Protein backbone atom coordinates (compact mmCIF):
# COMPACT_ATOMS: atom_id res chain seq x y z
CA MET A 1 120.58 182.64 91.50
CA GLU A 2 122.74 183.00 88.69
CA ASP A 3 122.79 186.21 86.71
CA ALA A 4 121.35 185.94 83.25
CA SER A 5 124.34 187.87 81.99
CA ASP A 6 126.82 185.32 83.22
CA LEU A 7 125.09 182.50 81.30
CA PRO A 8 125.35 181.66 77.76
CA ILE A 9 123.85 183.35 74.77
CA ILE A 10 121.83 180.85 72.54
CA VAL A 11 121.74 181.78 68.90
CA VAL A 12 119.41 179.35 66.83
CA GLY A 13 119.64 179.58 63.10
CA LEU A 14 116.27 178.11 61.69
CA GLY A 15 116.20 175.87 58.34
CA ASN A 16 115.57 172.27 57.41
CA PRO A 17 118.40 169.61 57.48
CA GLY A 18 119.16 167.60 54.25
CA PHE A 19 121.26 168.62 51.19
CA GLU A 20 117.98 169.19 49.24
CA TYR A 21 117.40 172.32 51.40
CA ASP A 22 120.86 173.87 51.12
CA ASP A 23 121.10 177.49 49.99
CA THR A 24 117.06 177.48 49.95
CA ARG A 25 115.45 180.78 51.16
CA HIS A 26 113.98 179.10 54.12
CA ASN A 27 117.61 177.90 55.19
CA ILE A 28 118.84 181.50 55.80
CA GLY A 29 119.08 181.00 59.54
CA PHE A 30 121.31 177.77 59.09
CA MET A 31 123.46 179.64 56.50
CA VAL A 32 124.31 182.47 59.25
CA VAL A 33 125.12 180.39 62.04
CA GLU A 34 127.13 178.05 59.64
CA SER A 35 129.13 181.19 58.48
CA LEU A 36 129.67 182.01 62.18
CA SER A 37 131.01 178.55 62.91
CA ALA A 38 133.26 178.77 60.05
CA LYS A 39 134.61 182.11 61.02
CA LEU A 40 135.35 180.96 64.71
CA GLN A 41 136.48 177.65 63.34
CA CYS A 42 134.41 175.58 65.48
CA PRO A 43 133.08 172.18 64.15
CA TRP A 44 129.46 171.16 65.08
CA LYS A 45 128.78 168.61 67.48
CA PRO A 46 125.53 166.29 67.99
CA GLY A 47 123.33 167.89 70.88
CA LYS A 48 121.75 165.61 73.26
CA GLY A 49 118.26 166.34 71.58
CA GLU A 50 117.54 166.77 68.05
CA TYR A 51 120.14 169.58 66.95
CA LEU A 52 123.66 170.39 66.50
CA PHE A 53 125.44 172.68 68.15
CA VAL A 54 129.11 174.65 68.51
CA GLU A 55 129.84 176.26 71.86
CA THR A 56 132.38 179.03 71.62
CA VAL A 57 133.44 182.57 73.21
CA ALA A 58 133.12 185.91 71.65
CA GLY A 59 134.91 188.45 73.71
CA GLU A 60 134.15 186.85 77.13
CA LYS A 61 130.85 185.44 76.40
CA THR A 62 130.07 182.03 75.98
CA VAL A 63 127.71 181.66 72.69
CA VAL A 64 126.28 178.66 71.64
CA LEU A 65 125.28 178.32 67.98
CA VAL A 66 122.41 175.90 67.35
CA LYS A 67 120.91 174.26 64.37
CA PRO A 68 117.71 172.26 64.82
CA LEU A 69 117.42 168.94 63.10
CA THR A 70 113.67 168.57 63.68
CA TYR A 71 112.64 170.44 60.29
CA MET A 72 111.38 173.95 60.24
CA ASN A 73 107.59 173.23 61.82
CA ASN A 74 109.02 171.49 64.93
CA SER A 75 112.05 173.96 65.64
CA GLY A 76 110.49 174.34 69.04
CA LEU A 77 111.17 171.07 70.31
CA ALA A 78 114.84 171.62 69.42
CA VAL A 79 115.11 175.03 71.11
CA ARG A 80 113.30 173.86 74.33
CA ASP A 81 115.87 171.16 74.69
CA VAL A 82 118.71 173.64 74.14
CA ILE A 83 117.31 176.23 76.70
CA GLU A 84 116.98 173.44 79.02
CA ARG A 85 120.04 171.83 78.68
CA PHE A 86 122.22 175.25 79.13
CA SER A 87 119.58 176.47 81.92
CA VAL A 88 119.26 179.71 80.11
CA PRO A 89 116.30 182.15 80.38
CA VAL A 90 114.59 183.13 76.95
CA SER A 91 116.00 186.53 77.56
CA ASN A 92 119.35 184.90 76.20
CA LEU A 93 118.14 183.62 73.11
CA ILE A 94 118.14 184.98 69.37
CA VAL A 95 116.84 183.39 66.73
CA VAL A 96 117.61 183.83 62.93
CA VAL A 97 114.99 183.66 60.51
CA ASP A 98 113.96 184.09 56.68
CA ASP A 99 111.33 186.73 56.40
CA PHE A 100 109.30 186.95 53.17
CA TRP A 101 108.18 190.64 54.36
CA PHE A 102 111.64 192.13 53.85
CA ASP A 103 113.52 192.37 50.46
CA VAL A 104 116.43 190.08 50.13
CA GLY A 105 119.57 191.68 51.92
CA THR A 106 117.49 193.36 54.76
CA VAL A 107 118.52 192.32 58.13
CA LYS A 108 116.08 193.51 60.93
CA VAL A 109 116.92 192.91 64.77
CA ARG A 110 113.77 192.56 66.96
CA ALA A 111 113.55 192.23 70.75
CA LYS A 112 110.48 190.06 70.80
CA GLY A 113 107.14 189.60 68.88
CA SER A 114 104.57 187.43 67.22
CA ASP A 115 105.60 184.63 64.77
CA GLY A 116 104.89 186.83 61.69
CA GLY A 117 103.13 183.86 59.94
CA HIS A 118 106.46 182.04 60.41
CA ASN A 119 106.03 178.36 61.21
CA GLY A 120 109.47 177.79 62.79
CA LEU A 121 108.74 180.92 65.33
CA ALA A 122 105.28 179.69 65.84
CA SER A 123 106.87 176.28 67.07
CA ILE A 124 109.22 178.09 69.08
CA ILE A 125 106.52 180.40 70.74
CA SER A 126 104.48 177.53 71.30
CA HIS A 127 106.95 175.14 73.02
CA LEU A 128 108.52 177.96 75.14
CA GLY A 129 105.35 179.57 75.98
CA SER A 130 106.74 183.05 75.42
CA GLU A 131 107.22 185.67 72.46
CA GLU A 132 109.74 187.37 74.67
CA PHE A 133 112.75 186.38 72.91
CA ALA A 134 114.94 188.20 70.36
CA ARG A 135 115.14 187.59 66.56
CA ILE A 136 117.24 188.47 63.44
CA ARG A 137 114.90 188.52 60.17
CA CYS A 138 116.60 188.02 57.04
CA GLY A 139 114.82 189.37 53.81
CA ILE A 140 114.08 186.56 51.39
CA LYS A 141 111.30 188.88 49.34
CA LYS A 142 111.78 189.29 45.58
CA GLU A 143 110.52 192.27 43.54
CA VAL A 144 107.84 189.89 42.07
CA MET A 145 106.37 187.56 44.54
CA PRO A 146 104.29 184.39 43.94
CA PRO A 147 100.46 184.17 44.93
CA LYS A 148 100.10 183.04 48.34
CA SER A 149 99.13 179.55 47.09
CA GLU A 150 102.76 179.15 45.96
CA MET A 151 104.46 180.69 48.96
CA SER A 152 105.17 176.90 50.53
CA GLU A 153 107.35 176.44 47.08
CA PHE A 154 108.61 179.79 47.38
CA VAL A 155 110.39 179.59 50.58
CA LEU A 156 112.09 176.17 49.70
CA SER A 157 113.48 177.56 46.40
CA PRO A 158 117.28 178.58 45.94
CA PHE A 159 118.21 182.25 45.72
CA ASP A 160 118.23 183.60 42.22
CA GLU A 161 121.80 184.13 40.71
CA ASP A 162 121.43 187.88 40.82
CA GLU A 163 120.55 187.75 44.43
CA LYS A 164 123.45 186.14 46.10
CA GLU A 165 125.87 188.97 45.98
CA LYS A 166 123.13 190.80 48.64
CA VAL A 167 122.41 187.22 50.56
CA ALA A 168 126.26 186.99 51.11
CA ARG A 169 126.31 190.45 52.55
CA MET A 170 123.11 189.74 54.55
CA ILE A 171 124.90 186.56 56.17
CA LEU A 172 127.66 188.70 57.05
CA HIS A 173 125.50 191.37 58.58
CA ALA A 174 123.20 188.94 60.57
CA GLY A 175 126.48 187.67 61.88
CA GLU A 176 127.74 190.62 63.05
CA ALA A 177 124.42 191.25 64.68
CA VAL A 178 124.46 188.10 66.65
CA ILE A 179 128.10 189.13 67.97
CA ALA A 180 126.63 192.72 68.94
CA PHE A 181 123.65 190.91 70.59
CA ALA A 182 125.96 188.49 72.58
CA LEU A 183 128.39 191.55 73.57
CA TYR A 184 126.26 194.39 74.29
CA GLY A 185 122.64 193.21 74.37
CA ILE A 186 119.52 193.75 72.00
CA GLU A 187 119.24 197.44 72.40
CA LYS A 188 122.78 197.96 71.06
CA ALA A 189 122.19 195.35 68.25
CA MET A 190 119.00 197.09 67.21
CA ASN A 191 120.21 200.58 67.25
CA GLU A 192 123.26 199.72 64.89
CA PHE A 193 121.71 197.18 62.60
CA ASN A 194 118.22 198.75 62.25
CA SER A 195 119.13 202.18 61.88
CA SER A 196 122.03 201.45 59.19
CA ASN A 197 120.00 198.80 57.37
CA SER A 198 119.35 200.79 54.32
CA GLU A 199 123.22 202.08 53.98
CA ARG A 200 124.32 198.64 54.41
CA MET A 201 122.09 197.26 51.31
CA GLU A 202 123.70 199.82 48.80
């Protein structure tokens, strides 16, 4: 049986396809993997399921960047297709996702966990039958948040002008966390990015 360490790392950025969702808070996952693909100068290709992907190499590790085209609430369909296509265990998966519990600019790396009220994560957990996959949570919380009844509109809204510098840094740091996970594993990524997060926001 092939060692999981020899298999590709799957990096899924969550978001909604379509220009009307570009630069919205819910699409920060897309922004992170798009930034990585641009940095690596690798074009996106259509997958065999409802997703786009980039297959590249970081160090000596094969990394597959993925953008589901299923819309957020059905993200698990695409993620399951990718996992099956590349025959990797969920331990080789990391999901980049927006999180309204954390302030804009915050990057938190987690080894596993519940969906935290995020429909994209809920769909992935349902389709994989597991919570045992890593995720990078990118904060989208504002100082003054809307009432719960308006949260759907909030996550689909663009970032404010005065947030964009923090968002740019957050995208950069989340991408660095992805590479750390791919090269060194989840513990290294958590130790480096969670402990230094406050300094990174300054």
